[in-house]
Amino acid sequence: MATLSTSASMYEAPSGRTPASSRTVFPTKLNAYFLSLIDHPGDPLGRQVLPDPRESEDTGGTIDPLDEVRQSPTSQIIHRYPHRVIFLVSARCAVNCRFCMRKRIAGDRETISQQSIDRALAYIVGNRSISEVILSGGDPLMLDDDELVAILEALRGIDHVSVIRIHTRIPGVWPQKVTKGLARRLASFHPLYINLHFNHSREITTESALACSRLADAGLPLGSQTVLLQGVNDHPDVLADLFTKLLEIRVRPYYLHQIDRVPGTAHFQVPLKEGLQIVTALHGRLSGMAIPHFMIDLPGGGGKVELLPDSIEKSVSGTYQVRNFEGRIYSYPMD
């Protein structure tokens, strides 16, 4: 593992490889701010962004576990649910998470073209059933402020789009990007909701709290989506600390995600049974405000399902049989 140096503006290290069948190498990227929070490569923050030799040993999973490509009518749109779409507006992130479920596009050095943005907007215009648009990527806040505002203005000009969401990890990994000016400009697009991504309480710093405060003060509702990760946050005490501190900075714990199985991520996997036990342990020690929904995203494009007793039909031959929002049954691995 390469030596860490907080004096560098960017950390680069040899990347772990996904299996040869995917023909990709996932790059390593993090900035000076997040690098400064890492004590050593094996700590809860280092594990998230620094390559691990076990990545090259993992032959499980698939590069598109949620079947997003099949559900993409244009290159930048994922249309899984009838009334909302994901709009991929950026392929860049401030840090590359080793567990990223979109390794197939994250870290792509190619910028998304204006033509592909225009095609996505045209698709939304032409589908009046779409009432909600989620800006994702990559990270939408990696765009220049003017670029992001231009997309938001275009969406606000579509009469059947009533709600817009932005999914971003920027406030926790590059909080300096969230300026007063950006927060003020975003506030002009209400109702606009922002879902953040925090996995460990050490990501909540003076700087990240200020970034969240700027957004909250602008009237932007904030939620957090956390990924359950072995060796990072797979303990009730760790998650309780995180969720409590998120509420203190006006961020509502929204989702706790079971990791999506892309190649190179097996060492992050927490068995589903253990995940359920962890969530059960949170009840009673935290208020309902601090407990997120425990979610899995079903392989093969089945969509998100909250893990509740009536969502798991039965276990068969090493898999859970899970019912999705359409009433269809999908197999999900126990381990």
Protein backbone atom coordinates (compact mmCIF):
# COMPACT_ATOMS: atom_id res chain seq x y z
CA MET A 1 0.00 0.00 0.00
CA ALA A 2 1.35 3.41 -0.92
CA THR A 3 2.37 5.86 1.81
CA LEU A 4 -0.15 8.59 2.60
CA SER A 5 0.85 12.22 2.36
CA THR A 6 -1.49 15.07 3.23
CA SER A 7 0.68 17.53 1.35
CA ALA A 8 -0.43 16.12 -2.00
CA SER A 9 -3.41 17.65 -3.79
CA MET A 10 -4.35 14.25 -5.16
CA TYR A 11 -3.49 10.72 -4.11
CA GLU A 12 -2.82 8.18 -6.84
CA ALA A 13 -2.09 4.48 -6.28
CA PRO A 14 -2.16 1.34 -8.41
CA SER A 15 -5.79 0.33 -8.73
CA GLY A 16 -7.23 -3.05 -7.89
CA ARG A 17 -8.51 -4.85 -10.99
CA THR A 18 -11.93 -6.21 -11.61
CA PRO A 19 -12.08 -9.67 -13.21
CA ALA A 20 -10.82 -9.90 -16.77
CA SER A 21 -14.34 -10.43 -18.06
CA SER A 22 -15.21 -6.79 -17.28
CA ARG A 23 -12.09 -5.44 -19.04
CA THR A 24 -11.84 -2.45 -16.73
CA VAL A 25 -9.43 -1.05 -14.17
CA PHE A 26 -11.05 1.05 -11.47
CA PRO A 27 -8.89 4.12 -10.81
CA THR A 28 -7.99 5.43 -7.38
CA LYS A 29 -8.85 9.04 -6.69
CA LEU A 30 -9.11 11.20 -3.59
CA ASN A 31 -8.42 14.81 -2.78
CA ALA A 32 -6.23 16.47 -0.15
CA TYR A 33 -9.15 17.14 2.19
CA PHE A 34 -10.35 13.54 2.44
CA LEU A 35 -6.78 12.28 2.48
CA SER A 36 -6.15 14.40 5.58
CA LEU A 37 -8.91 12.52 7.45
CA ILE A 38 -7.28 9.10 6.92
CA ASP A 39 -5.03 7.90 9.75
CA HIS A 40 -3.85 4.76 7.95
CA PRO A 41 -4.99 2.72 4.92
CA GLY A 42 -6.90 0.19 7.04
CA ASP A 43 -8.98 2.67 9.00
CA PRO A 44 -12.71 3.14 8.21
CA LEU A 45 -12.03 6.00 5.80
CA GLY A 46 -8.97 4.52 4.13
CA ARG A 47 -10.82 1.28 3.44
CA GLN A 48 -13.43 3.18 1.47
CA VAL A 49 -11.10 4.84 -1.04
CA LEU A 50 -7.74 3.02 -1.13
CA PRO A 51 -7.32 -0.11 -3.28
CA ASP A 52 -7.13 -3.49 -1.59
CA PRO A 53 -5.42 -6.58 -3.07
CA ARG A 54 -8.63 -8.53 -2.44
CA GLU A 55 -10.32 -6.55 -5.22
CA SER A 56 -8.39 -8.51 -7.85
CA GLU A 57 -9.36 -11.82 -6.22
CA ASP A 58 -13.10 -11.24 -6.37
CA THR A 59 -14.70 -12.91 -9.37
CA GLY A 60 -18.30 -12.51 -8.16
CA GLY A 61 -20.89 -9.94 -9.04
CA THR A 62 -21.38 -8.11 -12.29
CA ILE A 63 -20.32 -4.73 -13.61
CA ASP A 64 -23.99 -3.69 -13.93
CA PRO A 65 -25.67 -5.48 -11.00
CA LEU A 66 -28.92 -3.52 -11.16
CA ASP A 67 -29.36 -3.96 -14.92
CA GLU A 68 -29.30 -0.20 -15.38
CA VAL A 69 -28.05 -0.32 -18.97
CA ARG A 70 -31.10 -2.30 -20.05
CA GLN A 71 -33.30 0.27 -18.34
CA SER A 72 -31.62 3.21 -20.06
CA PRO A 73 -33.64 4.61 -22.99
CA THR A 74 -30.84 7.15 -23.49
CA SER A 75 -27.24 6.98 -22.29
CA GLN A 76 -27.90 9.37 -19.38
CA ILE A 77 -31.34 8.19 -18.23
CA ILE A 78 -32.26 5.18 -16.08
CA HIS A 79 -36.01 4.62 -16.12
CA ARG A 80 -36.84 1.84 -13.66
CA TYR A 81 -39.93 3.17 -11.90
CA PRO A 82 -42.97 4.53 -13.76
CA HIS A 83 -42.96 8.09 -12.43
CA ARG A 84 -39.30 8.90 -11.78
CA VAL A 85 -35.98 8.65 -13.56
CA ILE A 86 -32.30 8.87 -12.68
CA PHE A 87 -30.48 11.47 -14.78
CA LEU A 88 -26.73 10.79 -14.93
CA VAL A 89 -25.30 14.29 -15.32
CA SER A 90 -21.66 13.60 -14.37
CA ALA A 91 -19.23 10.71 -14.56
CA ARG A 92 -16.78 12.28 -12.10
CA CYS A 93 -16.54 12.09 -8.31
CA ALA A 94 -14.40 13.91 -5.75
CA VAL A 95 -13.25 10.51 -4.49
CA ASN A 96 -13.67 7.08 -6.06
CA CYS A 97 -15.31 4.72 -3.58
CA ARG A 98 -13.91 1.20 -3.91
CA PHE A 99 -17.43 -0.21 -3.45
CA CYS A 100 -18.97 1.98 -6.16
CA MET A 101 -21.95 0.31 -7.84
CA ARG A 102 -21.32 2.28 -11.06
CA LYS A 103 -17.69 1.38 -11.60
CA ARG A 104 -18.56 1.03 -15.26
CA ILE A 105 -18.81 4.84 -15.55
CA ALA A 106 -17.32 6.37 -12.38
CA GLY A 107 -13.91 7.89 -12.96
CA ASP A 108 -14.48 8.05 -16.70
CA ARG A 109 -12.16 10.74 -18.01
CA GLU A 110 -14.56 11.56 -20.79
CA THR A 111 -17.01 14.37 -20.04
CA ILE A 112 -20.68 13.83 -20.69
CA SER A 113 -21.53 15.72 -23.87
CA GLN A 114 -24.12 18.46 -24.19
CA GLN A 115 -25.76 16.33 -26.87
CA SER A 116 -26.32 13.47 -24.42
CA ILE A 117 -27.71 15.92 -21.84
CA ASP A 118 -30.07 17.32 -24.48
CA ARG A 119 -31.25 13.83 -25.46
CA ALA A 120 -31.97 13.03 -21.81
CA LEU A 121 -33.95 16.25 -21.37
CA ALA A 122 -35.90 15.50 -24.54
CA TYR A 123 -36.78 12.06 -23.18
CA ILE A 124 -38.12 13.60 -19.97
CA VAL A 125 -40.09 16.21 -21.92
CA GLY A 126 -41.64 13.48 -24.05
CA ASN A 127 -42.73 11.32 -21.11
CA ARG A 128 -45.43 13.10 -19.15
CA SER A 129 -45.63 10.27 -16.63
CA ILE A 130 -42.28 11.41 -15.19
CA SER A 131 -42.89 13.65 -12.18
CA GLU A 132 -39.60 13.20 -10.31
CA VAL A 133 -36.01 13.44 -11.57
CA ILE A 134 -32.95 12.35 -9.58
CA LEU A 135 -29.65 13.92 -10.61
CA SER A 136 -26.88 11.38 -10.07
CA GLY A 137 -23.70 10.13 -11.67
CA GLY A 138 -20.79 10.26 -10.76
CA ASP A 139 -21.55 13.28 -8.63
CA PRO A 140 -23.73 16.16 -9.87
CA LEU A 141 -21.89 18.67 -7.66
CA MET A 142 -18.70 17.95 -9.60
CA LEU A 143 -20.22 20.05 -12.36
CA ASP A 144 -19.43 23.73 -12.53
CA ASP A 145 -22.12 25.68 -10.73
CA ASP A 146 -23.32 27.21 -14.01
CA GLU A 147 -23.59 23.78 -15.65
CA LEU A 148 -25.62 22.39 -12.77
CA VAL A 149 -27.91 25.41 -12.67
CA ALA A 150 -28.50 25.16 -16.43
CA ILE A 151 -29.72 21.56 -16.02
CA LEU A 152 -31.95 22.52 -13.09
CA GLU A 153 -33.41 25.42 -15.08
CA ALA A 154 -34.19 23.08 -17.96
CA LEU A 155 -35.92 20.61 -15.63
CA ARG A 156 -37.91 23.38 -13.93
CA GLY A 157 -39.13 24.37 -17.38
CA ILE A 158 -40.83 20.97 -17.82
CA ASP A 159 -44.34 21.34 -16.46
CA HIS A 160 -44.85 17.71 -15.44
CA VAL A 161 -41.63 17.51 -13.38
CA SER A 162 -42.63 18.52 -9.86
CA VAL A 163 -39.80 17.18 -7.68
CA ILE A 164 -36.04 17.18 -8.26
CA ARG A 165 -33.45 15.37 -6.18
CA ILE A 166 -29.66 15.64 -6.17
CA HIS A 167 -27.61 12.67 -4.94
CA THR A 168 -24.11 13.75 -3.90
CA ARG A 169 -21.21 12.83 -1.65
CA ILE A 170 -19.52 16.22 -2.03
CA PRO A 171 -20.45 17.71 1.40
CA GLY A 172 -18.66 14.84 3.14
CA VAL A 173 -15.63 14.44 0.89
CA TRP A 174 -15.04 17.91 -0.59
CA PRO A 175 -17.14 20.27 1.55
CA GLN A 176 -15.31 23.37 0.32
CA LYS A 177 -17.19 22.96 -2.97
CA VAL A 178 -20.46 23.87 -1.21
CA THR A 179 -20.22 27.65 -1.15
CA LYS A 180 -22.79 30.14 0.08
CA GLY A 181 -23.29 31.11 -3.55
CA LEU A 182 -24.04 27.56 -4.65
CA ALA A 183 -26.51 27.04 -1.80
CA ARG A 184 -28.26 30.31 -2.67
CA ARG A 185 -28.58 29.31 -6.33
CA LEU A 186 -29.90 25.84 -5.49
CA ALA A 187 -32.55 27.40 -3.24
CA SER A 188 -34.24 28.92 -6.28
CA PHE A 189 -35.32 25.45 -7.50
CA HIS A 190 -37.61 24.30 -4.68
CA PRO A 191 -38.91 21.69 -4.21
CA LEU A 192 -35.34 20.41 -4.43
CA TYR A 193 -34.16 17.61 -2.14
CA ILE A 194 -30.55 16.62 -1.55
CA ASN A 195 -29.48 13.12 -0.51
CA LEU A 196 -25.95 12.94 0.83
CA HIS A 197 -23.64 9.98 1.43
CA PHE A 198 -21.97 9.51 4.84
CA ASN A 199 -20.65 6.11 5.96
CA HIS A 200 -18.78 6.91 9.19
CA SER A 201 -18.98 9.59 11.86
CA ARG A 202 -15.36 10.62 11.19
CA GLU A 203 -16.62 12.07 7.90
CA ILE A 204 -18.59 14.62 9.93
CA THR A 205 -16.08 17.41 10.50
CA THR A 206 -16.26 21.16 11.05
CA GLU A 207 -15.99 21.59 7.29
CA SER A 208 -18.64 19.03 6.32
CA ALA A 209 -21.00 20.33 9.01
CA LEU A 210 -20.62 23.84 7.56
CA ALA A 211 -21.41 22.56 4.05
CA CYS A 212 -24.57 20.86 5.33
CA SER A 213 -25.52 23.97 7.30
CA ARG A 214 -25.30 26.11 4.19
CA LEU A 215 -27.63 23.78 2.33
CA ALA A 216 -30.06 23.43 5.24
CA ASP A 217 -30.11 27.19 5.84
CA ALA A 218 -31.11 27.57 2.18
CA GLY A 219 -34.20 25.48 2.93
CA LEU A 220 -32.94 22.35 1.20
CA PRO A 221 -34.09 19.13 2.95
CA LEU A 222 -31.12 16.84 3.56
CA GLY A 223 -31.08 13.07 3.86
CA SER A 224 -28.19 10.62 4.01
CA GLN A 225 -27.74 7.30 2.26
CA THR A 226 -25.24 5.05 4.04
CA VAL A 227 -23.77 1.85 2.61
CA LEU A 228 -23.30 -1.04 5.06
CA LEU A 229 -19.63 -1.99 4.71
CA GLN A 230 -17.65 -4.71 6.45
CA GLY A 231 -14.71 -3.22 8.34
CA VAL A 232 -16.13 0.29 8.07
CA ASN A 233 -19.49 0.52 9.83
CA ASP A 234 -20.79 -3.04 10.37
CA HIS A 235 -21.55 -2.59 14.08
CA PRO A 236 -24.58 -1.04 15.81
CA ASP A 237 -22.42 1.29 17.93
CA VAL A 238 -20.66 2.69 14.85
CA LEU A 239 -23.91 3.30 13.00
CA ALA A 240 -25.65 4.72 16.06
CA ASP A 241 -22.83 7.25 16.43
CA LEU A 242 -23.08 8.18 12.74
CA PHE A 243 -26.86 8.54 12.66
CA THR A 244 -26.94 10.58 15.88
CA LYS A 245 -24.31 13.00 14.58
CA LEU A 246 -26.10 13.32 11.25
CA LEU A 247 -29.24 14.52 13.03
CA GLU A 248 -27.13 17.05 14.91
CA ILE A 249 -26.11 18.65 11.60
CA ARG A 250 -29.70 18.53 10.28
CA VAL A 251 -29.29 15.52 8.01
CA ARG A 252 -31.95 12.82 8.30
CA PRO A 253 -30.67 9.24 8.03
CA TYR A 254 -32.69 8.04 5.02
CA TYR A 255 -31.38 4.73 3.69
CA LEU A 256 -28.94 2.10 4.91
CA HIS A 257 -27.99 0.18 1.77
CA GLN A 258 -26.92 -3.42 1.49
CA ILE A 259 -23.92 -3.23 -0.84
CA ASP A 260 -24.48 -3.93 -4.54
CA ARG A 261 -22.25 -6.76 -5.75
CA VAL A 262 -19.96 -5.34 -8.39
CA PRO A 263 -16.61 -7.05 -9.05
CA GLY A 264 -13.93 -6.31 -6.47
CA THR A 265 -16.30 -5.67 -3.55
CA ALA A 266 -16.74 -9.07 -1.85
CA HIS A 267 -14.57 -8.03 1.12
CA PHE A 268 -17.08 -5.25 1.90
CA GLN A 269 -20.07 -7.59 1.90
CA VAL A 270 -22.02 -7.97 5.15
CA PRO A 271 -24.31 -11.05 5.12
CA LEU A 272 -27.95 -10.06 4.93
CA LYS A 273 -28.77 -11.82 8.20
CA GLU A 274 -26.10 -9.80 10.02
CA GLY A 275 -27.38 -6.60 8.47
CA LEU A 276 -30.86 -7.30 9.79
CA GLN A 277 -29.43 -8.00 13.25
CA ILE A 278 -27.53 -4.70 13.21
CA VAL A 279 -30.64 -2.74 12.26
CA THR A 280 -32.68 -4.53 14.93
CA ALA A 281 -30.07 -3.53 17.52
CA LEU A 282 -30.50 0.14 16.58
CA HIS A 283 -34.15 0.12 17.57
CA GLY A 284 -34.59 1.08 21.19
CA ARG A 285 -31.29 2.93 21.44
CA LEU A 286 -32.16 5.54 18.77
CA SER A 287 -35.27 7.56 18.04
CA GLY A 288 -37.22 6.81 14.90
CA MET A 289 -35.77 9.99 13.36
CA ALA A 290 -32.30 8.45 13.53
CA ILE A 291 -33.09 5.03 12.05
CA PRO A 292 -32.93 4.74 8.26
CA HIS A 293 -34.75 2.25 6.06
CA PHE A 294 -32.62 -0.86 5.46
CA MET A 295 -32.67 -1.35 1.70
CA ILE A 296 -31.51 -3.80 -0.91
CA ASP A 297 -31.49 -3.10 -4.63
CA LEU A 298 -32.52 -6.32 -6.29
CA PRO A 299 -30.26 -7.82 -8.96
CA GLY A 300 -31.62 -7.82 -12.48
CA GLY A 301 -33.41 -4.50 -12.20
CA GLY A 302 -35.99 -5.48 -9.58
CA GLY A 303 -35.67 -2.16 -7.80
CA LYS A 304 -35.28 -1.18 -4.17
CA VAL A 305 -36.97 -3.14 -1.39
CA GLU A 306 -37.00 -2.29 2.30
CA LEU A 307 -36.04 -5.31 4.33
CA LEU A 308 -39.05 -6.10 6.48
CA PRO A 309 -40.36 -9.47 7.67
CA ASP A 310 -43.03 -9.56 4.96
CA SER A 311 -40.64 -8.62 2.14
CA ILE A 312 -38.65 -11.86 2.45
CA GLU A 313 -40.79 -14.73 1.26
CA LYS A 314 -38.49 -17.67 2.12
CA SER A 315 -34.93 -18.94 1.81
CA VAL A 316 -34.09 -21.48 -0.87
CA SER A 317 -30.70 -23.05 -1.68
CA GLY A 318 -28.56 -20.26 -0.29
CA THR A 319 -30.77 -17.39 -1.44
CA TYR A 320 -33.58 -15.27 -0.06
CA GLN A 321 -36.72 -14.95 -2.15
CA VAL A 322 -37.63 -11.25 -2.02
CA ARG A 323 -40.82 -9.60 -3.29
CA ASN A 324 -40.33 -6.26 -5.07
CA PHE A 325 -42.67 -3.27 -5.60
CA GLU A 326 -44.33 -5.00 -8.56
CA GLY A 327 -45.04 -8.18 -6.57
CA ARG A 328 -42.38 -10.14 -8.48
CA ILE A 329 -40.06 -12.54 -6.65
CA TYR A 330 -36.27 -12.14 -7.01
CA SER A 331 -33.46 -14.28 -5.63
CA TYR A 332 -30.93 -12.53 -3.42
CA PRO A 333 -27.77 -14.24 -2.06
CA MET A 334 -27.64 -14.84 1.69
CA ASP A 335 -23.91 -14.11 1.93
